[in-house]
Amino acid sequence: MKNRKTVNNDDEILKIGRDCLIHLDEKKASDPVFMDLRKVNSYLEFFLIATGNSQIHCRSLARDISKFLYEKGLKESGKHDLNSEWIIMDFGSLIVHIFTEEMRSYYQLEKLWADADKINLN
């Protein structure tokens, strides 16, 4: 088994978050955004949010980003529900949210955390 580097500081997570944006864009995710919540919340650090064009696409994005983050040194805690229109994956400091368009529009996490710093591809 390949030795993995353990991610243990915020600068590494910030770089990984930016890399994730590029990776998700290459996988045709819509509007990927990386959010730094440290200044607005005491227990959440980073969110990665993206939209798939169907539930099947969301499932594929979730599997792909899980593998991508594992290779970057992040291990997922628990299991995620791949049959959901809102797939949530917990990588410790980084929580990944993959939505269908309808669910992302309904829950509006970016609006809920509007005071957080955001990084996107635009």
PDB file of N, CA and C in Angstrom:
ATOM      1  N   MET A   1       0.832  -1.181   0.000  1.00  0.00           N
ATOM      2  CA  MET A   1       0.000   0.000   0.000  1.00  0.00           C
ATOM      3  C   MET A   1       0.878   1.246   0.000  1.00  0.00           C
ATOM      4  N   LYS A   2       0.494   2.213  -0.774  1.00  0.00           N
ATOM      5  CA  LYS A   2       1.234   3.457  -0.918  1.00  0.00           C
ATOM      6  C   LYS A   2       1.152   4.282   0.362  1.00  0.00           C
ATOM      7  N   ASN A   3       2.279   4.854   0.790  1.00  0.00           N
ATOM      8  CA  ASN A   3       2.277   5.740   1.947  1.00  0.00           C
ATOM      9  C   ASN A   3       1.640   7.063   1.569  1.00  0.00           C
ATOM     10  N   ARG A   4       0.736   7.540   2.417  1.00  0.00           N
ATOM     11  CA  ARG A   4       0.062   8.806   2.171  1.00  0.00           C
ATOM     12  C   ARG A   4       0.568   9.838   3.155  1.00  0.00           C
ATOM     13  N   LYS A   5       0.704  11.050   2.674  1.00  0.00           N
ATOM     14  CA  LYS A   5       1.051  12.172   3.519  1.00  0.00           C
ATOM     15  C   LYS A   5      -0.199  12.589   4.284  1.00  0.00           C
ATOM     16  N   THR A   6      -0.066  12.858   5.563  1.00  0.00           N
ATOM     17  CA  THR A   6      -1.189  13.319   6.356  1.00  0.00           C
ATOM     18  C   THR A   6      -1.260  14.837   6.293  1.00  0.00           C
ATOM     19  N   VAL A   7      -2.445  15.344   6.042  1.00  0.00           N
ATOM     20  CA  VAL A   7      -2.669  16.783   5.974  1.00  0.00           C
ATOM     21  C   VAL A   7      -2.960  17.267   7.385  1.00  0.00           C
ATOM     22  N   ASN A   8      -2.185  18.250   7.850  1.00  0.00           N
ATOM     23  CA  ASN A   8      -2.376  18.663   9.227  1.00  0.00           C
ATOM     24  C   ASN A   8      -2.320  20.174   9.439  1.00  0.00           C
ATOM     25  N   ASN A   9      -2.435  20.956   8.372  1.00  0.00           N
ATOM     26  CA  ASN A   9      -2.509  22.396   8.611  1.00  0.00           C
ATOM     27  C   ASN A   9      -3.396  23.079   7.579  1.00  0.00           C
ATOM     28  N   ASP A  10      -3.847  24.273   7.952  1.00  0.00           N
ATOM     29  CA  ASP A  10      -4.826  24.990   7.126  1.00  0.00           C
ATOM     30  C   ASP A  10      -4.260  25.406   5.773  1.00  0.00           C
ATOM     31  N   ASP A  11      -2.969  25.723   5.693  1.00  0.00           N
ATOM     32  CA  ASP A  11      -2.384  26.111   4.407  1.00  0.00           C
ATOM     33  C   ASP A  11      -2.477  24.964   3.406  1.00  0.00           C
ATOM     34  N   GLU A  12      -2.266  23.749   3.882  1.00  0.00           N
ATOM     35  CA  GLU A  12      -2.384  22.582   3.004  1.00  0.00           C
ATOM     36  C   GLU A  12      -3.827  22.391   2.559  1.00  0.00           C
ATOM     37  N   ILE A  13      -4.773  22.570   3.482  1.00  0.00           N
ATOM     38  CA  ILE A  13      -6.190  22.431   3.135  1.00  0.00           C
ATOM     39  C   ILE A  13      -6.587  23.486   2.106  1.00  0.00           C
ATOM     40  N   LEU A  14      -6.095  24.712   2.256  1.00  0.00           N
ATOM     41  CA  LEU A  14      -6.405  25.769   1.289  1.00  0.00           C
ATOM     42  C   LEU A  14      -5.903  25.397  -0.104  1.00  0.00           C
ATOM     43  N   LYS A  15      -4.694  24.862  -0.191  1.00  0.00           N
ATOM     44  CA  LYS A  15      -4.155  24.441  -1.485  1.00  0.00           C
ATOM     45  C   LYS A  15      -4.969  23.277  -2.051  1.00  0.00           C
ATOM     46  N   ILE A  16      -5.293  22.315  -1.210  1.00  0.00           N
ATOM     47  CA  ILE A  16      -6.091  21.177  -1.652  1.00  0.00           C
ATOM     48  C   ILE A  16      -7.467  21.652  -2.131  1.00  0.00           C
ATOM     49  N   GLY A  17      -8.060  22.606  -1.429  1.00  0.00           N
ATOM     50  CA  GLY A  17      -9.354  23.148  -1.836  1.00  0.00           C
ATOM     51  C   GLY A  17      -9.300  23.766  -3.214  1.00  0.00           C
ATOM     52  N   ARG A  18      -8.253  24.527  -3.483  1.00  0.00           N
ATOM     53  CA  ARG A  18      -8.094  25.123  -4.817  1.00  0.00           C
ATOM     54  C   ARG A  18      -7.903  24.033  -5.876  1.00  0.00           C
ATOM     55  N   ASP A  19      -7.119  23.023  -5.541  1.00  0.00           N
ATOM     56  CA  ASP A  19      -6.926  21.897  -6.467  1.00  0.00           C
ATOM     57  C   ASP A  19      -8.247  21.169  -6.734  1.00  0.00           C
ATOM     58  N   CYS A  20      -9.069  21.048  -5.696  1.00  0.00           N
ATOM     59  CA  CYS A  20     -10.377  20.400  -5.846  1.00  0.00           C
ATOM     60  C   CYS A  20     -11.273  21.172  -6.809  1.00  0.00           C
ATOM     61  N   LEU A  21     -11.226  22.497  -6.736  1.00  0.00           N
ATOM     62  CA  LEU A  21     -12.032  23.312  -7.655  1.00  0.00           C
ATOM     63  C   LEU A  21     -11.686  22.994  -9.102  1.00  0.00           C
ATOM     64  N   ILE A  22     -10.407  22.928  -9.393  1.00  0.00           N
ATOM     65  CA  ILE A  22      -9.950  22.618 -10.749  1.00  0.00           C
ATOM     66  C   ILE A  22     -10.375  21.203 -11.132  1.00  0.00           C
ATOM     67  N   HIS A  23     -10.182  20.273 -10.210  1.00  0.00           N
ATOM     68  CA  HIS A  23     -10.534  18.876 -10.469  1.00  0.00           C
ATOM     69  C   HIS A  23     -12.032  18.721 -10.741  1.00  0.00           C
ATOM     70  N   LEU A  24     -12.858  19.361  -9.917  1.00  0.00           N
ATOM     71  CA  LEU A  24     -14.311  19.271 -10.122  1.00  0.00           C
ATOM     72  C   LEU A  24     -14.733  19.932 -11.426  1.00  0.00           C
ATOM     73  N   ASP A  25     -14.092  21.023 -11.790  1.00  0.00           N
ATOM     74  CA  ASP A  25     -14.388  21.678 -13.062  1.00  0.00           C
ATOM     75  C   ASP A  25     -14.065  20.742 -14.228  1.00  0.00           C
ATOM     76  N   GLU A  26     -12.949  20.039 -14.127  1.00  0.00           N
ATOM     77  CA  GLU A  26     -12.572  19.083 -15.171  1.00  0.00           C
ATOM     78  C   GLU A  26     -13.575  17.937 -15.265  1.00  0.00           C
ATOM     79  N   LYS A  27     -14.227  17.617 -14.166  1.00  0.00           N
ATOM     80  CA  LYS A  27     -15.223  16.540 -14.140  1.00  0.00           C
ATOM     81  C   LYS A  27     -16.629  17.056 -14.455  1.00  0.00           C
ATOM     82  N   LYS A  28     -16.697  18.304 -14.924  1.00  0.00           N
ATOM     83  CA  LYS A  28     -17.955  18.927 -15.374  1.00  0.00           C
ATOM     84  C   LYS A  28     -18.945  19.232 -14.251  1.00  0.00           C
ATOM     85  N   ALA A  29     -18.443  19.431 -13.027  1.00  0.00           N
ATOM     86  CA  ALA A  29     -19.312  19.908 -11.951  1.00  0.00           C
ATOM     87  C   ALA A  29     -19.647  21.367 -12.228  1.00  0.00           C
ATOM     88  N   SER A  30     -20.855  21.776 -11.842  1.00  0.00           N
ATOM     89  CA  SER A  30     -21.270  23.165 -12.041  1.00  0.00           C
ATOM     90  C   SER A  30     -20.939  23.992 -10.804  1.00  0.00           C
ATOM     91  N   ASP A  31     -20.460  25.205 -11.039  1.00  0.00           N
ATOM     92  CA  ASP A  31     -20.240  26.201  -9.989  1.00  0.00           C
ATOM     93  C   ASP A  31     -19.539  25.682  -8.736  1.00  0.00           C
ATOM     94  N   PRO A  32     -18.389  25.026  -8.863  1.00  0.00           N
ATOM     95  CA  PRO A  32     -17.700  24.599  -7.641  1.00  0.00           C
ATOM     96  C   PRO A  32     -17.198  25.821  -6.864  1.00  0.00           C
ATOM     97  N   VAL A  33     -17.317  25.750  -5.548  1.00  0.00           N
ATOM     98  CA  VAL A  33     -16.852  26.839  -4.687  1.00  0.00           C
ATOM     99  C   VAL A  33     -16.213  26.234  -3.438  1.00  0.00           C
ATOM    100  N   PHE A  34     -15.148  26.864  -2.984  1.00  0.00           N
ATOM    101  CA  PHE A  34     -14.441  26.468  -1.769  1.00  0.00           C
ATOM    102  C   PHE A  34     -14.620  27.595  -0.774  1.00  0.00           C
ATOM    103  N   MET A  35     -15.116  27.276   0.418  1.00  0.00           N
ATOM    104  CA  MET A  35     -15.431  28.299   1.412  1.00  0.00           C
ATOM    105  C   MET A  35     -14.580  28.117   2.668  1.00  0.00           C
ATOM    106  N   ASP A  36     -14.037  29.219   3.149  1.00  0.00           N
ATOM    107  CA  ASP A  36     -13.281  29.248   4.395  1.00  0.00           C
ATOM    108  C   ASP A  36     -14.210  29.804   5.475  1.00  0.00           C
ATOM    109  N   LEU A  37     -14.653  28.939   6.371  1.00  0.00           N
ATOM    110  CA  LEU A  37     -15.633  29.309   7.395  1.00  0.00           C
ATOM    111  C   LEU A  37     -14.996  29.673   8.733  1.00  0.00           C
ATOM    112  N   ARG A  38     -13.682  29.650   8.834  1.00  0.00           N
ATOM    113  CA  ARG A  38     -13.022  29.829  10.132  1.00  0.00           C
ATOM    114  C   ARG A  38     -13.342  31.160  10.806  1.00  0.00           C
ATOM    115  N   LYS A  39     -13.557  32.218  10.033  1.00  0.00           N
ATOM    116  CA  LYS A  39     -13.829  33.533  10.621  1.00  0.00           C
ATOM    117  C   LYS A  39     -15.288  33.708  11.049  1.00  0.00           C
ATOM    118  N   VAL A  40     -16.173  32.843  10.581  1.00  0.00           N
ATOM    119  CA  VAL A  40     -17.601  33.027  10.861  1.00  0.00           C
ATOM    120  C   VAL A  40     -18.210  31.891  11.686  1.00  0.00           C
ATOM    121  N   ASN A  41     -17.420  30.864  12.015  1.00  0.00           N
ATOM    122  CA  ASN A  41     -17.950  29.729  12.746  1.00  0.00           C
ATOM    123  C   ASN A  41     -16.848  29.115  13.595  1.00  0.00           C
ATOM    124  N   SER A  42     -17.188  28.696  14.789  1.00  0.00           N
ATOM    125  CA  SER A  42     -16.170  28.164  15.700  1.00  0.00           C
ATOM    126  C   SER A  42     -15.909  26.666  15.535  1.00  0.00           C
ATOM    127  N   TYR A  43     -16.782  25.946  14.839  1.00  0.00           N
ATOM    128  CA  TYR A  43     -16.584  24.499  14.737  1.00  0.00           C
ATOM    129  C   TYR A  43     -16.483  23.971  13.308  1.00  0.00           C
ATOM    130  N   LEU A  44     -16.751  24.791  12.306  1.00  0.00           N
ATOM    131  CA  LEU A  44     -16.574  24.387  10.913  1.00  0.00           C
ATOM    132  C   LEU A  44     -15.398  25.149  10.331  1.00  0.00           C
ATOM    133  N   GLU A  45     -14.628  24.492   9.478  1.00  0.00           N
ATOM    134  CA  GLU A  45     -13.462  25.149   8.906  1.00  0.00           C
ATOM    135  C   GLU A  45     -13.617  25.436   7.414  1.00  0.00           C
ATOM    136  N   PHE A  46     -13.815  24.388   6.601  1.00  0.00           N
ATOM    137  CA  PHE A  46     -13.863  24.567   5.154  1.00  0.00           C
ATOM    138  C   PHE A  46     -14.999  23.751   4.545  1.00  0.00           C
ATOM    139  N   PHE A  47     -15.661  24.339   3.550  1.00  0.00           N
ATOM    140  CA  PHE A  47     -16.680  23.660   2.752  1.00  0.00           C
ATOM    141  C   PHE A  47     -16.220  23.651   1.301  1.00  0.00           C
ATOM    142  N   LEU A  48     -16.498  22.566   0.630  1.00  0.00           N
ATOM    143  CA  LEU A  48     -16.361  22.473  -0.814  1.00  0.00           C
ATOM    144  C   LEU A  48     -17.753  22.137  -1.327  1.00  0.00           C
ATOM    145  N   ILE A  49     -18.278  22.975  -2.221  1.00  0.00           N
ATOM    146  CA  ILE A  49     -19.640  22.799  -2.715  1.00  0.00           C
ATOM    147  C   ILE A  49     -19.606  22.717  -4.243  1.00  0.00           C
ATOM    148  N   ALA A  50     -20.355  21.764  -4.785  1.00  0.00           N
ATOM    149  CA  ALA A  50     -20.438  21.630  -6.242  1.00  0.00           C
ATOM    150  C   ALA A  50     -21.801  21.053  -6.614  1.00  0.00           C
ATOM    151  N   THR A  51     -22.157  21.225  -7.870  1.00  0.00           N
ATOM    152  CA  THR A  51     -23.435  20.733  -8.378  1.00  0.00           C
ATOM    153  C   THR A  51     -23.198  19.762  -9.529  1.00  0.00           C
ATOM    154  N   GLY A  52     -23.910  18.640  -9.469  1.00  0.00           N
ATOM    155  CA  GLY A  52     -23.909  17.696 -10.574  1.00  0.00           C
ATOM    156  C   GLY A  52     -25.151  17.907 -11.420  1.00  0.00           C
ATOM    157  N   ASN A  53     -25.113  17.472 -12.670  1.00  0.00           N
ATOM    158  CA  ASN A  53     -26.260  17.696 -13.554  1.00  0.00           C
ATOM    159  C   ASN A  53     -27.333  16.618 -13.438  1.00  0.00           C
ATOM    160  N   SER A  54     -27.083  15.600 -12.622  1.00  0.00           N
ATOM    161  CA  SER A  54     -28.066  14.546 -12.348  1.00  0.00           C
ATOM    162  C   SER A  54     -27.604  13.813 -11.092  1.00  0.00           C
ATOM    163  N   GLN A  55     -28.466  12.957 -10.573  1.00  0.00           N
ATOM    164  CA  GLN A  55     -28.080  12.183  -9.396  1.00  0.00           C
ATOM    165  C   GLN A  55     -26.916  11.241  -9.721  1.00  0.00           C
ATOM    166  N   ILE A  56     -26.907  10.700 -10.913  1.00  0.00           N
ATOM    167  CA  ILE A  56     -25.817   9.809 -11.334  1.00  0.00           C
ATOM    168  C   ILE A  56     -24.512  10.592 -11.422  1.00  0.00           C
ATOM    169  N   HIS A  57     -24.568  11.802 -11.961  1.00  0.00           N
ATOM    170  CA  HIS A  57     -23.379  12.645 -12.039  1.00  0.00           C
ATOM    171  C   HIS A  57     -22.890  13.009 -10.642  1.00  0.00           C
ATOM    172  N   CYS A  58     -23.808  13.316  -9.732  1.00  0.00           N
ATOM    173  CA  CYS A  58     -23.438  13.625  -8.342  1.00  0.00           C
ATOM    174  C   CYS A  58     -22.716  12.431  -7.711  1.00  0.00           C
ATOM    175  N   ARG A  59     -23.244  11.239  -7.931  1.00  0.00           N
ATOM    176  CA  ARG A  59     -22.632  10.015  -7.398  1.00  0.00           C
ATOM    177  C   ARG A  59     -21.210   9.847  -7.940  1.00  0.00           C
ATOM    178  N   SER A  60     -21.060  10.077  -9.226  1.00  0.00           N
ATOM    179  CA  SER A  60     -19.743   9.965  -9.845  1.00  0.00           C
ATOM    180  C   SER A  60     -18.772  11.019  -9.288  1.00  0.00           C
ATOM    181  N   LEU A  61     -19.257  12.256  -9.129  1.00  0.00           N
ATOM    182  CA  LEU A  61     -18.425  13.318  -8.556  1.00  0.00           C
ATOM    183  C   LEU A  61     -17.987  12.967  -7.138  1.00  0.00           C
ATOM    184  N   ALA A  62     -18.909  12.416  -6.348  1.00  0.00           N
ATOM    185  CA  ALA A  62     -18.592  12.057  -4.963  1.00  0.00           C
ATOM    186  C   ALA A  62     -17.512  10.978  -4.909  1.00  0.00           C
ATOM    187  N   ARG A  63     -17.661   9.972  -5.726  1.00  0.00           N
ATOM    188  CA  ARG A  63     -16.649   8.900  -5.746  1.00  0.00           C
ATOM    189  C   ARG A  63     -15.295   9.446  -6.193  1.00  0.00           C
ATOM    190  N   ASP A  64     -15.332  10.306  -7.195  1.00  0.00           N
ATOM    191  CA  ASP A  64     -14.102  10.849  -7.743  1.00  0.00           C
ATOM    192  C   ASP A  64     -13.404  11.789  -6.755  1.00  0.00           C
ATOM    193  N   ILE A  65     -14.163  12.662  -6.104  1.00  0.00           N
ATOM    194  CA  ILE A  65     -13.533  13.610  -5.174  1.00  0.00           C
ATOM    195  C   ILE A  65     -13.046  12.878  -3.931  1.00  0.00           C
ATOM    196  N   SER A  66     -13.728  11.811  -3.547  1.00  0.00           N
ATOM    197  CA  SER A  66     -13.272  11.000  -2.419  1.00  0.00           C
ATOM    198  C   SER A  66     -11.907  10.384  -2.720  1.00  0.00           C
ATOM    199  N   LYS A  67     -11.765   9.837  -3.910  1.00  0.00           N
ATOM    200  CA  LYS A  67     -10.481   9.261  -4.327  1.00  0.00           C
ATOM    201  C   LYS A  67      -9.409  10.347  -4.437  1.00  0.00           C
ATOM    202  N   PHE A  68      -9.763  11.488  -5.028  1.00  0.00           N
ATOM    203  CA  PHE A  68      -8.831  12.605  -5.188  1.00  0.00           C
ATOM    204  C   PHE A  68      -8.322  13.082  -3.824  1.00  0.00           C
ATOM    205  N   LEU A  69      -9.222  13.249  -2.873  1.00  0.00           N
ATOM    206  CA  LEU A  69      -8.822  13.733  -1.548  1.00  0.00           C
ATOM    207  C   LEU A  69      -8.028  12.684  -0.778  1.00  0.00           C
ATOM    208  N   TYR A  70      -8.356  11.424  -0.964  1.00  0.00           N
ATOM    209  CA  TYR A  70      -7.578  10.354  -0.343  1.00  0.00           C
ATOM    210  C   TYR A  70      -6.126  10.417  -0.819  1.00  0.00           C
ATOM    211  N   GLU A  71      -5.957  10.619  -2.130  1.00  0.00           N
ATOM    212  CA  GLU A  71      -4.608  10.718  -2.692  1.00  0.00           C
ATOM    213  C   GLU A  71      -3.864  11.964  -2.190  1.00  0.00           C
ATOM    214  N   LYS A  72      -4.619  12.984  -1.782  1.00  0.00           N
ATOM    215  CA  LYS A  72      -4.025  14.213  -1.237  1.00  0.00           C
ATOM    216  C   LYS A  72      -3.745  14.104   0.260  1.00  0.00           C
ATOM    217  N   GLY A  73      -4.152  12.990   0.882  1.00  0.00           N
ATOM    218  CA  GLY A  73      -3.857  12.775   2.291  1.00  0.00           C
ATOM    219  C   GLY A  73      -5.023  12.962   3.237  1.00  0.00           C
ATOM    220  N   LEU A  74      -6.228  13.134   2.717  1.00  0.00           N
ATOM    221  CA  LEU A  74      -7.399  13.298   3.567  1.00  0.00           C
ATOM    222  C   LEU A  74      -8.207  12.004   3.608  1.00  0.00           C
ATOM    223  N   LYS A  75      -8.603  11.618   4.794  1.00  0.00           N
ATOM    224  CA  LYS A  75      -9.383  10.398   4.958  1.00  0.00           C
ATOM    225  C   LYS A  75     -10.800  10.776   5.351  1.00  0.00           C
ATOM    226  N   GLU A  76     -11.757  10.138   4.700  1.00  0.00           N
ATOM    227  CA  GLU A  76     -13.164  10.411   4.983  1.00  0.00           C
ATOM    228  C   GLU A  76     -13.595   9.731   6.277  1.00  0.00           C
ATOM    229  N   SER A  77     -14.361  10.469   7.080  1.00  0.00           N
ATOM    230  CA  SER A  77     -14.952   9.919   8.294  1.00  0.00           C
ATOM    231  C   SER A  77     -16.363   9.458   7.976  1.00  0.00           C
ATOM    232  N   GLY A  78     -16.688   8.250   8.361  1.00  0.00           N
ATOM    233  CA  GLY A  78     -18.032   7.747   8.147  1.00  0.00           C
ATOM    234  C   GLY A  78     -18.324   7.419   6.692  1.00  0.00           C
ATOM    235  N   LYS A  79     -19.577   7.198   6.439  1.00  0.00           N
ATOM    236  CA  LYS A  79     -20.041   6.856   5.087  1.00  0.00           C
ATOM    237  C   LYS A  79     -20.993   7.931   4.602  1.00  0.00           C
ATOM    238  N   HIS A  80     -21.014   8.128   3.304  1.00  0.00           N
ATOM    239  CA  HIS A  80     -21.953   9.077   2.712  1.00  0.00           C
ATOM    240  C   HIS A  80     -23.010   8.308   1.917  1.00  0.00           C
ATOM    241  N   ASP A  81     -24.147   8.939   1.724  1.00  0.00           N
ATOM    242  CA  ASP A  81     -25.260   8.330   0.995  1.00  0.00           C
ATOM    243  C   ASP A  81     -25.175   8.733  -0.476  1.00  0.00           C
ATOM    244  N   LEU A  82     -24.781   7.808  -1.316  1.00  0.00           N
ATOM    245  CA  LEU A  82     -24.631   8.093  -2.740  1.00  0.00           C
ATOM    246  C   LEU A  82     -25.970   8.163  -3.470  1.00  0.00           C
ATOM    247  N   ASN A  83     -27.045   7.781  -2.813  1.00  0.00           N
ATOM    248  CA  ASN A  83     -28.361   7.807  -3.446  1.00  0.00           C
ATOM    249  C   ASN A  83     -29.156   9.045  -3.061  1.00  0.00           C
ATOM    250  N   SER A  84     -28.472  10.075  -2.671  1.00  0.00           N
ATOM    251  CA  SER A  84     -29.120  11.302  -2.228  1.00  0.00           C
ATOM    252  C   SER A  84     -28.902  12.415  -3.249  1.00  0.00           C
ATOM    253  N   GLU A  85     -29.756  13.407  -3.207  1.00  0.00           N
ATOM    254  CA  GLU A  85     -29.570  14.580  -4.056  1.00  0.00           C
ATOM    255  C   GLU A  85     -28.659  15.605  -3.379  1.00  0.00           C
ATOM    256  N   TRP A  86     -28.256  15.316  -2.143  1.00  0.00           N
ATOM    257  CA  TRP A  86     -27.282  16.128  -1.405  1.00  0.00           C
ATOM    258  C   TRP A  86     -26.331  15.155  -0.728  1.00  0.00           C
ATOM    259  N   ILE A  87     -25.183  14.966  -1.320  1.00  0.00           N
ATOM    260  CA  ILE A  87     -24.170  14.049  -0.792  1.00  0.00           C
ATOM    261  C   ILE A  87     -23.205  14.870   0.066  1.00  0.00           C
ATOM    262  N   ILE A  88     -23.082  14.461   1.326  1.00  0.00           N
ATOM    263  CA  ILE A  88     -22.199  15.153   2.269  1.00  0.00           C
ATOM    264  C   ILE A  88     -21.071  14.197   2.646  1.00  0.00           C
ATOM    265  N   MET A  89     -19.837  14.684   2.514  1.00  0.00           N
ATOM    266  CA  MET A  89     -18.673  13.872   2.847  1.00  0.00           C
ATOM    267  C   MET A  89     -17.814  14.640   3.840  1.00  0.00           C
ATOM    268  N   ASP A  90     -17.432  13.971   4.925  1.00  0.00           N
ATOM    269  CA  ASP A  90     -16.683  14.591   6.016  1.00  0.00           C
ATOM    270  C   ASP A  90     -15.222  14.158   5.957  1.00  0.00           C
ATOM    271  N   PHE A  91     -14.351  15.119   5.679  1.00  0.00           N
ATOM    272  CA  PHE A  91     -12.917  14.858   5.658  1.00  0.00           C
ATOM    273  C   PHE A  91     -12.228  15.627   6.787  1.00  0.00           C
ATOM    274  N   GLY A  92     -12.889  15.749   7.913  1.00  0.00           N
ATOM    275  CA  GLY A  92     -12.325  16.468   9.053  1.00  0.00           C
ATOM    276  C   GLY A  92     -12.490  17.965   8.872  1.00  0.00           C
ATOM    277  N   SER A  93     -11.413  18.650   8.574  1.00  0.00           N
ATOM    278  CA  SER A  93     -11.446  20.101   8.378  1.00  0.00           C
ATOM    279  C   SER A  93     -12.246  20.507   7.159  1.00  0.00           C
ATOM    280  N   LEU A  94     -12.405  19.600   6.221  1.00  0.00           N
ATOM    281  CA  LEU A  94     -13.080  19.878   4.959  1.00  0.00           C
ATOM    282  C   LEU A  94     -14.350  19.035   4.835  1.00  0.00           C
ATOM    283  N   ILE A  95     -15.477  19.717   4.649  1.00  0.00           N
ATOM    284  CA  ILE A  95     -16.747  19.043   4.407  1.00  0.00           C
ATOM    285  C   ILE A  95     -17.113  19.292   2.942  1.00  0.00           C
ATOM    286  N   VAL A  96     -17.391  18.223   2.216  1.00  0.00           N
ATOM    287  CA  VAL A  96     -17.740  18.312   0.798  1.00  0.00           C
ATOM    288  C   VAL A  96     -19.248  18.131   0.652  1.00  0.00           C
ATOM    289  N   HIS A  97     -19.866  19.050  -0.104  1.00  0.00           N
ATOM    290  CA  HIS A  97     -21.297  18.995  -0.390  1.00  0.00           C
ATOM    291  C   HIS A  97     -21.465  18.908  -1.910  1.00  0.00           C
ATOM    292  N   ILE A  98     -22.086  17.843  -2.370  1.00  0.00           N
ATOM    293  CA  ILE A  98     -22.370  17.707  -3.796  1.00  0.00           C
ATOM    294  C   ILE A  98     -23.891  17.609  -3.948  1.00  0.00           C
ATOM    295  N   PHE A  99     -24.438  18.555  -4.678  1.00  0.00           N
ATOM    296  CA  PHE A  99     -25.875  18.706  -4.812  1.00  0.00           C
ATOM    297  C   PHE A  99     -26.338  18.467  -6.245  1.00  0.00           C
ATOM    298  N   THR A 100     -27.614  18.103  -6.370  1.00  0.00           N
ATOM    299  CA  THR A 100     -28.294  18.311  -7.641  1.00  0.00           C
ATOM    300  C   THR A 100     -28.637  19.804  -7.678  1.00  0.00           C
ATOM    301  N   GLU A 101     -28.947  20.303  -8.842  1.00  0.00           N
ATOM    302  CA  GLU A 101     -29.255  21.733  -8.982  1.00  0.00           C
ATOM    303  C   GLU A 101     -30.433  22.148  -8.097  1.00  0.00           C
ATOM    304  N   GLU A 102     -31.454  21.318  -8.046  1.00  0.00           N
ATOM    305  CA  GLU A 102     -32.642  21.644  -7.254  1.00  0.00           C
ATOM    306  C   GLU A 102     -32.323  21.748  -5.771  1.00  0.00           C
ATOM    307  N   MET A 103     -31.539  20.816  -5.246  1.00  0.00           N
ATOM    308  CA  MET A 103     -31.203  20.818  -3.818  1.00  0.00           C
ATOM    309  C   MET A 103     -30.273  21.977  -3.463  1.00  0.00           C
ATOM    310  N   ARG A 104     -29.323  22.272  -4.337  1.00  0.00           N
ATOM    311  CA  ARG A 104     -28.420  23.391  -4.053  1.00  0.00           C
ATOM    312  C   ARG A 104     -29.195  24.705  -4.023  1.00  0.00           C
ATOM    313  N   SER A 105     -30.117  24.845  -4.935  1.00  0.00           N
ATOM    314  CA  SER A 105     -30.946  26.042  -4.981  1.00  0.00           C
ATOM    315  C   SER A 105     -31.843  26.134  -3.744  1.00  0.00           C
ATOM    316  N   TYR A 106     -32.350  25.013  -3.293  1.00  0.00           N
ATOM    317  CA  TYR A 106     -33.252  24.997  -2.142  1.00  0.00           C
ATOM    318  C   TYR A 106     -32.513  25.336  -0.842  1.00  0.00           C
ATOM    319  N   TYR A 107     -31.350  24.703  -0.598  1.00  0.00           N
ATOM    320  CA  TYR A 107     -30.646  24.884   0.672  1.00  0.00           C
ATOM    321  C   TYR A 107     -29.742  26.121   0.707  1.00  0.00           C
ATOM    322  N   GLN A 108     -29.247  26.557  -0.417  1.00  0.00           N
ATOM    323  CA  GLN A 108     -28.477  27.801  -0.539  1.00  0.00           C
ATOM    324  C   GLN A 108     -27.391  27.967   0.536  1.00  0.00           C
ATOM    325  N   LEU A 109     -26.489  26.990   0.625  1.00  0.00           N
ATOM    326  CA  LEU A 109     -25.427  27.062   1.632  1.00  0.00           C
ATOM    327  C   LEU A 109     -24.560  28.305   1.485  1.00  0.00           C
ATOM    328  N   GLU A 110     -24.301  28.725   0.250  1.00  0.00           N
ATOM    329  CA  GLU A 110     -23.483  29.922   0.058  1.00  0.00           C
ATOM    330  C   GLU A 110     -24.160  31.153   0.651  1.00  0.00           C
ATOM    331  N   LYS A 111     -25.466  31.207   0.572  1.00  0.00           N
ATOM    332  CA  LYS A 111     -26.211  32.330   1.147  1.00  0.00           C
ATOM    333  C   LYS A 111     -26.224  32.235   2.681  1.00  0.00           C
ATOM    334  N   LEU A 112     -26.395  31.018   3.183  1.00  0.00           N
ATOM    335  CA  LEU A 112     -26.391  30.793   4.632  1.00  0.00           C
ATOM    336  C   LEU A 112     -25.064  31.231   5.250  1.00  0.00           C
ATOM    337  N   TRP A 113     -23.969  30.936   4.559  1.00  0.00           N
ATOM    338  CA  TRP A 113     -22.631  31.289   5.033  1.00  0.00           C
ATOM    339  C   TRP A 113     -22.067  32.450   4.216  1.00  0.00           C
ATOM    340  N   ALA A 114     -22.880  33.438   3.949  1.00  0.00           N
ATOM    341  CA  ALA A 114     -22.506  34.555   3.076  1.00  0.00           C
ATOM    342  C   ALA A 114     -21.295  35.343   3.562  1.00  0.00           C
ATOM    343  N   ASP A 115     -21.033  35.346   4.866  1.00  0.00           N
ATOM    344  CA  ASP A 115     -19.905  36.098   5.406  1.00  0.00           C
ATOM    345  C   ASP A 115     -18.572  35.355   5.277  1.00  0.00           C
ATOM    346  N   ALA A 116     -18.612  34.107   4.867  1.00  0.00           N
ATOM    347  CA  ALA A 116     -17.388  33.317   4.720  1.00  0.00           C
ATOM    348  C   ALA A 116     -16.610  33.742   3.483  1.00  0.00           C
ATOM    349  N   ASP A 117     -15.292  33.587   3.548  1.00  0.00           N
ATOM    350  CA  ASP A 117     -14.451  33.832   2.367  1.00  0.00           C
ATOM    351  C   ASP A 117     -14.706  32.725   1.359  1.00  0.00           C
ATOM    352  N   LYS A 118     -14.833  33.110   0.085  1.00  0.00           N
ATOM    353  CA  LYS A 118     -15.117  32.139  -0.973  1.00  0.00           C
ATOM    354  C   LYS A 118     -14.027  32.175  -2.041  1.00  0.00           C
ATOM    355  N   ILE A 119     -13.701  31.009  -2.535  1.00  0.00           N
ATOM    356  CA  ILE A 119     -12.786  30.886  -3.646  1.00  0.00           C
ATOM    357  C   ILE A 119     -13.526  30.093  -4.720  1.00  0.00           C
ATOM    358  N   ASN A 120     -13.569  30.637  -5.927  1.00  0.00           N
ATOM    359  CA  ASN A 120     -14.163  29.877  -7.023  1.00  0.00           C
ATOM    360  C   ASN A 120     -13.287  30.047  -8.255  1.00  0.00           C
ATOM    361  N   LEU A 121     -13.697  29.452  -9.350  1.00  0.00           N
ATOM    362  CA  LEU A 121     -12.862  29.469 -10.555  1.00  0.00           C
ATOM    363  C   LEU A 121     -13.005  30.753 -11.362  1.00  0.00           C
ATOM    364  N   ASN A 122     -13.996  31.572 -11.072  1.00  0.00           N
ATOM    365  CA  ASN A 122     -14.233  32.796 -11.860  1.00  0.00           C
ATOM    366  C   ASN A 122     -13.389  33.940 -11.414  1.00  0.00           C
TER     367      ASN A 122
END
